[in-house]
Protein backbone atom coordinates (compact mmCIF):
# COMPACT_ATOMS: atom_id res chain seq x y z
CA MET A 1 83.24 130.94 105.72
CA VAL A 2 83.37 129.01 108.91
CA PRO A 3 86.43 128.54 111.00
CA SER A 4 87.59 124.98 112.02
CA ASN A 5 86.91 123.91 115.48
CA SER A 6 88.43 120.37 115.26
CA PRO A 7 91.37 119.27 117.22
CA GLN A 8 94.63 120.87 116.35
CA THR A 9 98.21 119.65 116.42
CA PRO A 10 100.83 120.43 118.80
CA ASN A 11 101.96 123.50 116.95
CA ALA A 12 98.35 124.78 116.45
CA ASP A 13 98.96 127.97 118.32
CA ALA A 14 101.99 129.01 116.19
CA GLU A 15 100.27 127.87 113.11
CA ARG A 16 96.88 129.77 113.97
CA SER A 17 99.07 133.01 114.64
CA ASP A 18 100.77 132.86 111.32
CA PRO A 19 98.41 131.66 108.54
CA SER A 20 101.27 131.53 105.90
CA ARG A 21 102.51 128.42 107.52
CA GLN A 22 99.12 126.76 107.06
CA THR A 23 97.98 124.80 104.02
CA THR A 24 94.36 125.89 103.74
CA VAL A 25 91.59 123.61 101.99
CA LEU A 26 88.18 124.86 101.06
CA VAL A 27 85.52 122.48 101.85
CA VAL A 28 82.48 123.01 99.74
CA ASP A 29 79.54 120.66 100.53
CA ASP A 30 75.73 121.61 101.00
CA ALA A 31 75.46 118.92 103.67
CA PRO A 32 76.66 120.23 107.00
CA VAL A 33 77.39 116.70 108.63
CA ASP A 34 79.42 115.66 105.47
CA ARG A 35 81.23 119.26 105.56
CA LEU A 36 82.22 119.14 109.02
CA MET A 37 83.51 115.45 109.00
CA THR A 38 85.66 116.17 105.90
CA GLY A 39 86.96 119.16 107.61
CA ALA A 40 87.96 117.28 110.75
CA ILE A 41 90.03 114.88 108.61
CA ILE A 42 91.89 117.82 107.05
CA ASP A 43 92.42 119.68 110.60
CA GLN A 44 93.94 116.38 111.72
CA MET A 45 96.69 116.85 109.13
CA PRO A 46 99.76 118.68 110.67
CA GLY A 47 99.95 122.20 109.18
CA TRP A 48 96.77 122.02 107.30
CA ARG A 49 93.24 123.94 108.01
CA ALA A 50 89.81 123.51 106.55
CA LEU A 51 87.77 126.50 105.40
CA TYR A 52 84.08 125.98 104.59
CA ALA A 53 81.48 126.92 102.09
CA GLU A 54 77.94 125.73 101.46
CA SER A 55 77.47 125.95 97.84
CA GLY A 56 79.62 126.92 94.73
CA GLU A 57 78.57 130.52 94.98
CA ASP A 58 79.78 130.85 98.67
CA ALA A 59 82.96 129.04 97.41
CA LEU A 60 83.73 131.62 95.03
CA ALA A 61 83.24 134.40 97.47
CA ALA A 62 85.14 132.72 100.06
CA ILE A 63 88.12 132.35 97.54
CA ALA A 64 87.96 136.16 96.83
CA LEU A 65 88.52 136.85 100.57
CA GLU A 66 91.17 134.12 101.55
CA ARG A 67 92.76 132.35 98.73
CA PRO A 68 92.94 128.55 99.79
CA ARG A 69 95.74 126.16 98.62
CA ILE A 70 93.09 123.70 97.21
CA VAL A 71 89.23 123.60 96.73
CA LEU A 72 87.74 120.31 97.71
CA THR A 73 84.22 120.09 96.48
CA ASP A 74 81.28 117.90 96.44
CA LEU A 75 79.46 117.24 92.86
CA ASN A 76 75.83 117.31 93.82
CA MET A 77 74.81 120.86 95.04
CA PRO A 78 72.00 122.90 94.42
CA ARG A 79 72.21 125.85 91.83
CA MET A 80 76.19 125.75 91.17
CA ASP A 81 77.05 122.14 91.34
CA GLY A 82 80.77 120.82 91.51
CA LEU A 83 81.20 120.51 87.81
CA ALA A 84 80.33 124.30 87.34
CA LEU A 85 82.63 125.20 90.25
CA VAL A 86 85.58 123.52 88.82
CA ALA A 87 84.98 125.57 85.36
CA GLU A 88 84.64 128.93 87.41
CA VAL A 89 87.72 128.32 89.50
CA ARG A 90 89.93 127.37 86.79
CA ARG A 91 88.65 130.47 84.84
CA LEU A 92 88.93 132.90 87.71
CA TYR A 93 91.74 131.21 89.88
CA PRO A 94 93.95 128.99 87.47
CA ALA A 95 96.49 128.32 90.36
CA VAL A 96 94.18 126.78 92.71
CA PRO A 97 93.51 123.10 92.04
CA VAL A 98 90.05 121.56 92.59
CA VAL A 99 89.66 118.07 93.84
CA LEU A 100 86.27 116.37 93.54
CA MET A 101 84.48 114.15 96.43
CA THR A 102 82.47 111.58 94.56
CA ALA A 103 79.55 109.44 95.58
CA TYR A 104 78.21 106.24 93.87
CA GLY A 105 76.26 107.30 90.83
CA ASN A 106 78.38 110.39 90.08
CA GLU A 107 80.90 108.53 87.81
CA GLU A 108 79.82 110.22 84.55
CA ILE A 109 79.98 113.74 86.13
CA ALA A 110 83.22 113.15 87.89
CA LEU A 111 84.92 111.98 84.67
CA GLN A 112 83.69 115.10 82.81
CA ALA A 113 84.96 117.23 85.71
CA LEU A 114 88.46 115.47 85.32
CA ARG A 115 88.61 116.38 81.58
CA GLU A 116 87.51 119.92 82.14
CA GLY A 117 90.06 120.80 84.74
CA ALA A 118 89.75 118.98 88.05
CA ALA A 119 93.08 117.91 89.59
CA SER A 120 92.01 114.76 91.29
CA TYR A 121 89.07 112.95 92.86
CA VAL A 122 88.49 110.91 96.20
CA PRO A 123 85.35 108.77 96.50
CA LYS A 124 83.31 109.73 99.52
CA LYS A 125 83.37 106.15 100.86
CA SER A 126 87.18 106.32 101.10
CA LEU A 127 87.67 109.78 102.44
CA GLU A 128 89.12 108.48 105.94
CA ARG A 129 91.90 106.31 103.92
CA ASP A 130 92.66 108.48 100.93
CA LEU A 131 91.75 112.12 101.54
CA ALA A 132 95.11 113.11 103.13
CA SER A 133 97.44 111.42 100.82
CA THR A 134 95.25 113.00 97.71
CA LEU A 135 95.52 116.49 99.15
CA GLU A 136 99.26 116.28 99.85
CA GLN A 137 99.96 114.88 96.22
CA VAL A 138 98.03 117.81 94.77
CA ALA A 139 99.55 120.38 97.00
CA ALA A 140 103.02 119.20 96.14
CA ALA A 141 102.46 119.03 92.30
CA ALA A 142 100.94 122.62 92.47
CA GLN A 143 104.00 124.05 94.36
CA VAL A 144 106.27 125.98 92.03
CA GLU A 145 110.02 126.23 93.47
CA SER A 146 112.06 129.44 92.60
CA ARG A 147 115.54 128.00 91.92
CA HIS A 148 117.27 128.82 88.81
CA GLN A 149 114.43 131.17 88.01
CA ARG A 150 116.44 133.50 85.76
CA LEU A 151 118.13 130.73 83.81
CA LEU A 152 115.05 128.58 83.12
CA GLU A 153 113.13 131.50 81.89
CA ARG A 154 115.39 131.67 78.97
CA LEU A 155 115.19 127.85 78.39
CA ALA A 156 114.05 126.66 74.94
CA ARG A 157 114.11 123.09 75.23
CA ALA A 158 116.02 120.37 77.40
CA GLU A 159 116.30 116.63 77.51
CA LEU A 160 116.95 115.00 80.97
CA HIS A 161 117.70 111.55 81.93
CA PHE A 162 117.27 109.94 85.54
CA VAL A 163 117.81 106.46 86.87
CA LEU A 164 115.88 105.72 90.26
CA ASP A 165 115.99 103.04 92.59
CA ASN A 166 112.70 101.90 94.20
CA ASP A 167 112.46 104.86 96.65
CA ARG A 168 108.89 106.27 96.27
CA PHE A 169 110.04 109.35 98.30
CA LEU A 170 112.32 110.54 95.27
CA VAL A 171 109.26 110.73 92.91
CA ALA A 172 108.00 113.96 94.36
CA SER A 173 111.39 115.55 94.02
CA LEU A 174 111.71 114.46 90.55
CA VAL A 175 108.33 115.85 89.58
CA ALA A 176 109.10 119.08 91.08
CA HIS A 177 112.36 119.11 89.29
CA LEU A 178 110.67 118.71 85.93
CA ARG A 179 108.13 121.24 86.84
CA ASP A 180 110.81 123.82 87.07
CA TYR A 181 111.43 123.24 83.41
CA LEU A 182 107.72 123.02 82.45
CA VAL A 183 106.99 126.42 84.19
CA ARG A 184 109.93 128.30 82.56
CA LEU A 185 109.24 126.71 79.14
CA GLY A 186 105.51 128.05 79.44
CA LEU A 187 104.07 125.03 78.02
CA CYS A 188 100.64 125.29 79.71
CA ASP A 189 98.59 127.07 82.22
CA GLU A 190 98.77 126.38 86.16
CA THR A 191 95.84 124.06 85.97
CA ALA A 192 97.36 121.85 83.26
CA MET A 193 100.52 122.08 84.90
CA THR A 194 99.29 120.56 88.13
CA ARG A 195 97.41 117.71 86.10
CA VAL A 196 100.64 117.12 84.10
CA CYS A 197 102.62 116.61 87.54
CA ILE A 198 100.10 114.49 89.00
CA ALA A 199 100.00 112.12 85.69
CA LEU A 200 103.84 111.91 86.00
CA GLU A 201 103.81 111.00 89.59
CA GLU A 202 101.26 108.30 89.18
CA ALA A 203 103.25 106.72 86.20
CA LEU A 204 106.43 106.83 88.30
CA LEU A 205 104.87 105.21 91.27
CA ASN A 206 103.30 102.61 89.11
CA ALA A 207 106.79 101.76 87.42
CA ILE A 208 108.09 101.37 91.15
CA PHE A 209 105.26 99.55 92.78
CA HIS A 210 103.58 97.67 89.96
CA GLY A 211 106.40 97.11 87.54
CA ASN A 212 109.66 96.69 89.73
CA LEU A 213 108.22 95.49 93.10
CA GLN A 214 105.20 93.53 91.42
CA LEU A 215 102.57 94.69 94.09
CA SER A 216 99.06 94.19 93.20
CA SER A 217 96.62 96.96 93.87
CA ASP A 218 94.22 94.40 95.59
CA LEU A 219 96.34 94.70 98.60
CA ARG A 220 95.17 98.31 99.21
CA GLN A 221 91.56 97.16 99.47
CA ASP A 222 91.70 97.06 103.20
CA GLY A 223 94.20 99.77 103.74
CA GLU A 224 97.80 100.69 102.72
CA GLU A 225 99.63 99.35 105.58
CA ALA A 226 100.20 95.76 104.40
CA TYR A 227 101.06 97.30 100.74
CA TYR A 228 103.67 99.38 102.03
CA ARG A 229 104.88 96.85 104.36
CA LEU A 230 105.42 94.33 101.44
CA ALA A 231 106.83 97.19 99.33
CA ASP A 232 109.68 97.88 101.94
CA GLU A 233 110.42 94.09 102.38
CA ARG A 234 110.71 93.74 98.60
CA ARG A 235 112.90 96.68 98.23
CA GLY A 236 115.54 94.62 100.12
CA THR A 237 115.55 91.36 98.58
CA THR A 238 116.36 89.90 95.10
CA PRO A 239 115.44 90.19 92.60
CA PHE A 240 113.46 93.40 93.30
CA ARG A 241 116.22 95.42 95.02
CA ASP A 242 118.41 95.45 91.76
CA ARG A 243 115.65 96.77 89.55
CA ARG A 244 115.79 100.47 88.52
CA VAL A 245 113.19 102.80 87.06
CA PHE A 246 114.58 105.01 83.94
CA CYS A 247 112.81 108.14 83.11
CA ALA A 248 113.67 110.28 80.01
CA ALA A 249 112.24 113.49 79.54
CA ARG A 250 112.26 115.71 76.26
CA LEU A 251 110.88 119.15 76.91
CA SER A 252 110.18 122.15 74.64
CA ARG A 253 107.83 124.93 74.35
CA ALA A 254 105.65 122.88 71.89
CA GLU A 255 105.40 119.67 73.93
CA VAL A 256 106.69 117.50 77.03
CA SER A 257 107.43 113.75 76.28
CA VAL A 258 108.30 111.57 79.24
CA THR A 259 109.27 108.05 78.78
CA ILE A 260 109.15 105.82 82.05
CA ARG A 261 110.65 102.11 81.83
CA ASP A 262 110.84 99.54 84.89
CA GLU A 263 112.86 96.36 84.92
CA GLY A 264 109.76 94.20 86.02
CA PRO A 265 108.27 91.31 83.79
CA GLY A 266 105.90 93.85 82.22
CA PHE A 267 102.16 93.15 81.48
CA ASP A 268 99.56 93.11 78.83
CA PRO A 269 98.10 96.62 78.81
CA SER A 270 95.09 95.37 76.93
CA THR A 271 93.96 93.32 80.05
CA LEU A 272 93.73 96.55 82.13
CA PRO A 273 90.09 97.64 82.83
CA ASP A 274 89.01 100.65 80.83
CA PRO A 275 89.80 103.57 83.16
CA THR A 276 87.66 105.73 81.09
CA ASP A 277 84.50 103.65 81.79
CA PRO A 278 82.56 105.66 84.68
CA ALA A 279 82.01 101.77 86.20
CA ASN A 280 85.61 101.77 86.94
CA LEU A 281 85.96 105.01 88.45
CA GLY A 282 85.81 103.85 92.11
CA ARG A 283 88.43 101.03 91.55
CA ILE A 284 91.56 101.49 93.60
CA GLY A 285 93.67 99.87 90.91
CA GLY A 286 92.47 101.97 88.06
CA ARG A 287 92.79 105.43 89.60
CA GLY A 288 96.17 106.31 88.71
CA LEU A 289 95.82 105.01 85.01
CA LEU A 290 92.60 107.17 84.65
CA LEU A 291 94.23 110.50 85.90
CA ILE A 292 97.10 109.72 83.55
CA ARG A 293 94.92 108.98 80.58
CA THR A 294 92.71 112.04 81.36
CA PHE A 295 95.42 114.50 82.01
CA MET A 296 97.83 113.70 79.05
CA ASP A 297 97.33 114.16 75.34
CA SER A 298 98.89 110.86 74.47
CA VAL A 299 99.64 107.61 76.77
CA THR A 300 101.19 104.50 74.82
CA HIS A 301 102.82 101.42 76.20
CA ASN A 302 105.52 99.29 74.80
CA GLN A 303 104.90 95.82 73.53
CA ALA A 304 106.62 94.12 76.62
CA GLY A 305 104.12 96.44 79.08
CA ASN A 306 107.35 97.84 81.16
CA GLU A 307 107.59 101.03 79.40
CA VAL A 308 104.98 104.15 79.01
CA THR A 309 105.46 107.42 77.13
CA LEU A 310 103.34 110.36 78.27
CA VAL A 311 102.96 113.50 75.83
CA LYS A 312 101.29 116.59 76.71
CA ARG A 313 101.10 119.38 73.87
CA GLY A 314 101.19 122.96 74.69
CA LYS A 315 101.50 126.25 72.86
CA GLN A 316 102.58 126.56 69.11
CA PRO A 317 106.44 127.42 69.59
CA ARG A 318 107.44 131.03 68.53
CA VAL A 319 109.57 131.48 65.30
CA GLY A 320 113.18 130.01 65.82
CA GLU A 321 111.86 127.66 68.73
CA VAL A 322 111.67 124.02 68.63
């Protein structure tokens, strides 16, 4: 494991003296230049720190010494590749999510890794733009809050309804709240829990940005500044500002079903590119839908195209539970 030597934030001294305040990411890549360039992006994130491993075997040894918050791995490596590392981390450390770095030509393997337990992916060509936001999303989804612990441990089922305005910053709080219920219900393991939370976040953000605010993913091709600037403008103008997102969650020890509806004009879901086609893995507009369909057991849209229902099935309920 190699310590980071990249430029630090103003609070670097305090964070270095108190590792518990840092969010660590283990970067696994057999190419030294790529490994250090990726780590430099992480070290520029306030409160984050990069650790390094040159191979899948080295990564497992490093995790045993210092448990990172996230493992960020390349796919193509000798001996133990990224796909095998995903499987081993999920088996040995189910609470540690794995994010893939994909290169052109790796689409089939990356898709298989998502199906087998990876939490997310970032194309290598988009690291500078997308790595920080992806890591922050995965870290937030993996965080388990402790509030209401004793009560929720006795929870058998719940039905929750939320009405949101078009504030994207509410989404993470809502997903964390739903995660509390899922943890206490014991629906699935930590890896699957993180994936469910990422799928819910992507679906809620789609409802806000693409549904209510009618933003096209094409705006993000050259960066996200113009995309979010237009989103902020539309939040304050009609008809966009009056639209809401409705979220209904039905949770039990057998399954979770979440229906998300926006008040936009809707769309024809059949016109979307197939997100499970490896050729579409690098498309900005298809990433969220790919994660949603990969991580959930069932994803269905209504006829109008402004409502989606996501279902994740878990363990069989015990006698007397529903």
